């Protein structure tokens, strides 16, 4: 799975062939097909594993805070840390979803991922408890809130929301 993660994330699901994954993993073709059955199933498993790791990382970060504001700000700080990594190539789910066939297993996994939910209008509603209307200290406006995950994914640049919220520079 580690070889699939490295190759699919680094090169894209359509550009990396199954033979390359097999060679990189050092496994027999029969073993890989016994475990996954197809390249599509391997990709689906790779995406599910990434999602489980991401969810564990988020749960861990949230467990360090008690207030709703600190919890939501910690998520943005976590995202800023992730996108600052030298091997960051964007959201695996958005990238794979763009390459996946409509109606296939890969597209379903991508469409059900939190990345897809973050780019929906309902994302704004999830921020209401932390950024009440009319708040002078709000660090994101209602017009930009739905774009934050995409901006983080694409650019990897975001001033620390905690610094902005607290009013320091």
Protein backbone atom coordinates (compact mmCIF):
# COMPACT_ATOMS: atom_id res chain seq x y z
CA UNK A 1 0.00 0.00 0.00
CA UNK A 2 2.92 2.35 0.76
CA UNK A 3 4.24 1.97 -2.79
CA UNK A 4 0.80 2.68 -4.26
CA UNK A 5 0.41 5.74 -2.03
CA UNK A 6 3.80 7.14 -3.01
CA UNK A 7 3.37 6.53 -6.73
CA UNK A 8 -0.30 7.42 -7.17
CA UNK A 9 0.02 10.57 -5.07
CA UNK A 10 3.26 11.64 -6.73
CA UNK A 11 2.40 10.80 -10.31
CA UNK A 12 -1.36 10.56 -10.57
CA UNK A 13 -3.66 7.57 -10.87
CA UNK A 14 -3.72 7.54 -14.66
CA UNK A 15 0.01 8.02 -15.23
CA UNK A 16 1.17 5.26 -12.89
CA UNK A 17 0.71 1.75 -14.22
CA UNK A 18 0.14 -1.35 -12.15
CA UNK A 19 3.49 -2.80 -13.27
CA UNK A 20 5.29 0.22 -11.83
CA UNK A 21 3.50 -0.25 -8.49
CA UNK A 22 4.40 -3.95 -8.46
CA UNK A 23 8.07 -3.20 -9.21
CA UNK A 24 8.25 -0.43 -6.59
CA UNK A 25 6.56 -2.61 -3.96
CA UNK A 26 8.67 -5.65 -4.77
CA UNK A 27 5.69 -7.99 -4.86
CA UNK A 28 4.51 -10.54 -7.37
CA UNK A 29 1.76 -9.52 -9.77
CA UNK A 30 -0.34 -12.47 -8.60
CA UNK A 31 -0.05 -11.31 -4.96
CA UNK A 32 -1.22 -7.81 -5.79
CA UNK A 33 -4.17 -9.09 -7.81
CA UNK A 34 -5.05 -11.60 -5.05
CA UNK A 35 -5.25 -8.73 -2.56
CA UNK A 36 -6.96 -6.10 -4.69
CA UNK A 37 -8.28 -7.73 -7.86
CA UNK A 38 -7.75 -4.70 -10.10
CA UNK A 39 -5.95 -1.38 -10.40
CA UNK A 40 -9.23 0.39 -9.67
CA UNK A 41 -9.62 -1.49 -6.39
CA UNK A 42 -5.99 -0.73 -5.46
CA UNK A 43 -6.61 2.98 -6.09
CA UNK A 44 -9.84 2.87 -4.08
CA UNK A 45 -7.98 1.20 -1.20
CA UNK A 46 -5.16 3.75 -1.44
CA UNK A 47 -7.68 6.60 -1.20
CA UNK A 48 -9.51 4.99 1.71
CA UNK A 49 -6.22 4.53 3.56
CA UNK A 50 -5.32 8.20 2.98
CA UNK A 51 -8.73 9.22 4.28
CA UNK A 52 -8.33 7.11 7.44
CA UNK A 53 -4.90 8.65 8.10
CA UNK A 54 -6.27 12.15 7.52
CA UNK A 55 -9.24 11.55 9.83
CA UNK A 56 -6.94 10.22 12.58
CA UNK A 57 -4.71 13.28 12.22
CA UNK A 58 -7.74 15.57 12.50
CA UNK A 59 -9.15 13.71 15.52
CA UNK A 60 -5.77 13.95 17.22
CA UNK A 61 -5.55 17.69 16.56
CA UNK A 62 -9.12 18.33 17.74
CA UNK A 63 -8.53 16.37 20.95
CA UNK A 64 -5.89 18.92 21.97
CA UNK A 65 -8.45 21.74 22.20
CA UNK A 66 -11.62 22.36 24.17
CA UNK A 67 -13.31 25.44 22.68
CA UNK A 68 -15.07 25.40 19.32
CA UNK A 69 -12.97 28.31 18.11
CA UNK A 70 -9.66 26.66 19.02
CA UNK A 71 -10.82 23.41 17.42
CA UNK A 72 -11.68 24.98 14.08
CA UNK A 73 -8.54 27.12 14.05
CA UNK A 74 -6.45 24.04 14.77
CA UNK A 75 -7.81 22.39 11.62
CA UNK A 76 -6.64 25.30 9.50
CA UNK A 77 -3.26 25.22 11.21
CA UNK A 78 -3.01 21.49 10.54
CA UNK A 79 -3.87 22.07 6.88
CA UNK A 80 -1.23 24.81 6.66
CA UNK A 81 1.36 22.37 8.09
CA UNK A 82 0.38 19.68 5.59
CA UNK A 83 0.58 21.93 2.53
CA UNK A 84 3.95 23.29 3.65
CA UNK A 85 5.52 19.82 3.34
CA UNK A 86 7.98 19.56 0.42
CA UNK A 87 6.20 16.50 -1.02
CA UNK A 88 2.74 18.12 -0.97
CA UNK A 89 1.07 17.71 -4.36
CA UNK A 90 -2.46 18.86 -3.58
CA UNK A 91 -5.47 16.96 -2.40
CA UNK A 92 -5.26 13.30 -3.40
CA UNK A 93 -9.06 13.10 -3.61
CA UNK A 94 -9.51 16.14 -5.84
CA UNK A 95 -6.68 14.98 -8.10
CA UNK A 96 -7.91 11.39 -8.34
CA UNK A 97 -11.51 12.54 -8.77
CA UNK A 98 -10.52 14.70 -11.71
CA UNK A 99 -8.87 11.70 -13.38
CA UNK A 100 -11.48 9.08 -12.46
CA UNK A 101 -14.22 7.75 -14.72
CA UNK A 102 -17.70 9.01 -13.92
CA UNK A 103 -19.71 6.46 -11.97
CA UNK A 104 -16.70 4.30 -11.07
CA UNK A 105 -15.54 3.20 -7.62
CA UNK A 106 -12.73 5.75 -7.57
CA UNK A 107 -15.06 8.63 -8.38
CA UNK A 108 -17.44 7.48 -5.61
CA UNK A 109 -14.67 7.46 -3.00
CA UNK A 110 -13.53 10.90 -4.12
CA UNK A 111 -17.05 12.33 -4.14
CA UNK A 112 -17.65 11.01 -0.60
CA UNK A 113 -14.40 12.42 0.77
CA UNK A 114 -14.34 15.44 3.06
CA UNK A 115 -12.49 17.33 0.31
CA UNK A 116 -15.61 17.31 -1.84
CA UNK A 117 -17.74 18.39 1.11
CA UNK A 118 -15.40 21.31 1.83
CA UNK A 119 -15.98 22.72 -1.62
CA UNK A 120 -19.75 22.71 -1.25
CA UNK A 121 -21.92 25.64 -0.15
CA UNK A 122 -22.81 23.83 3.08
CA UNK A 123 -19.22 24.28 4.25
CA UNK A 124 -20.02 27.91 5.04
CA UNK A 125 -22.74 26.77 7.44
CA UNK A 126 -20.22 24.66 9.37
CA UNK A 127 -18.18 27.78 10.12
CA UNK A 128 -21.05 29.84 11.50
CA UNK A 129 -20.39 28.91 15.12
CA UNK A 130 -16.82 30.26 14.84
CA UNK A 131 -17.42 33.29 12.65
CA UNK A 132 -20.71 34.93 13.63
CA UNK A 133 -22.16 37.49 11.24
CA UNK A 134 -21.01 40.99 11.97
CA UNK A 135 -18.09 39.89 14.13
CA UNK A 136 -15.29 42.47 13.92
CA UNK A 137 -12.72 39.77 14.68
CA UNK A 138 -13.88 37.24 12.10
CA UNK A 139 -10.87 35.85 10.23
CA UNK A 140 -12.83 34.66 7.22
CA UNK A 141 -15.77 36.23 5.50
CA UNK A 142 -18.86 34.41 4.34
CA UNK A 143 -17.86 35.02 0.74
CA UNK A 144 -14.40 33.46 1.10
CA UNK A 145 -15.10 30.67 3.63
CA UNK A 146 -16.12 28.05 1.03
CA UNK A 147 -12.94 28.76 -0.96
CA UNK A 148 -10.46 28.31 1.92
CA UNK A 149 -9.92 24.53 1.55
CA UNK A 150 -9.40 24.87 -2.19
CA UNK A 151 -7.01 27.81 -1.74
CA UNK A 152 -5.07 25.82 0.84
CA UNK A 153 -4.98 22.79 -1.42
CA UNK A 154 -3.80 24.69 -4.48
CA UNK A 155 -1.44 27.29 -3.02
CA UNK A 156 -0.46 26.02 0.40
CA UNK A 157 -0.53 29.62 1.65
CA UNK A 158 -2.65 30.86 4.48
CA UNK A 159 -1.74 33.22 7.27
CA UNK A 160 -2.28 31.53 10.58
CA UNK A 161 -5.98 32.02 11.37
CA UNK A 162 -5.18 32.00 15.08
CA UNK A 163 -2.90 35.04 14.67
CA UNK A 164 -5.52 36.83 12.60
CA UNK A 165 -8.29 36.00 15.05
CA UNK A 166 -6.29 37.15 18.04
CA UNK A 167 -5.48 40.43 16.24
CA UNK A 168 -1.69 40.07 16.17
CA UNK A 169 0.39 40.14 13.03
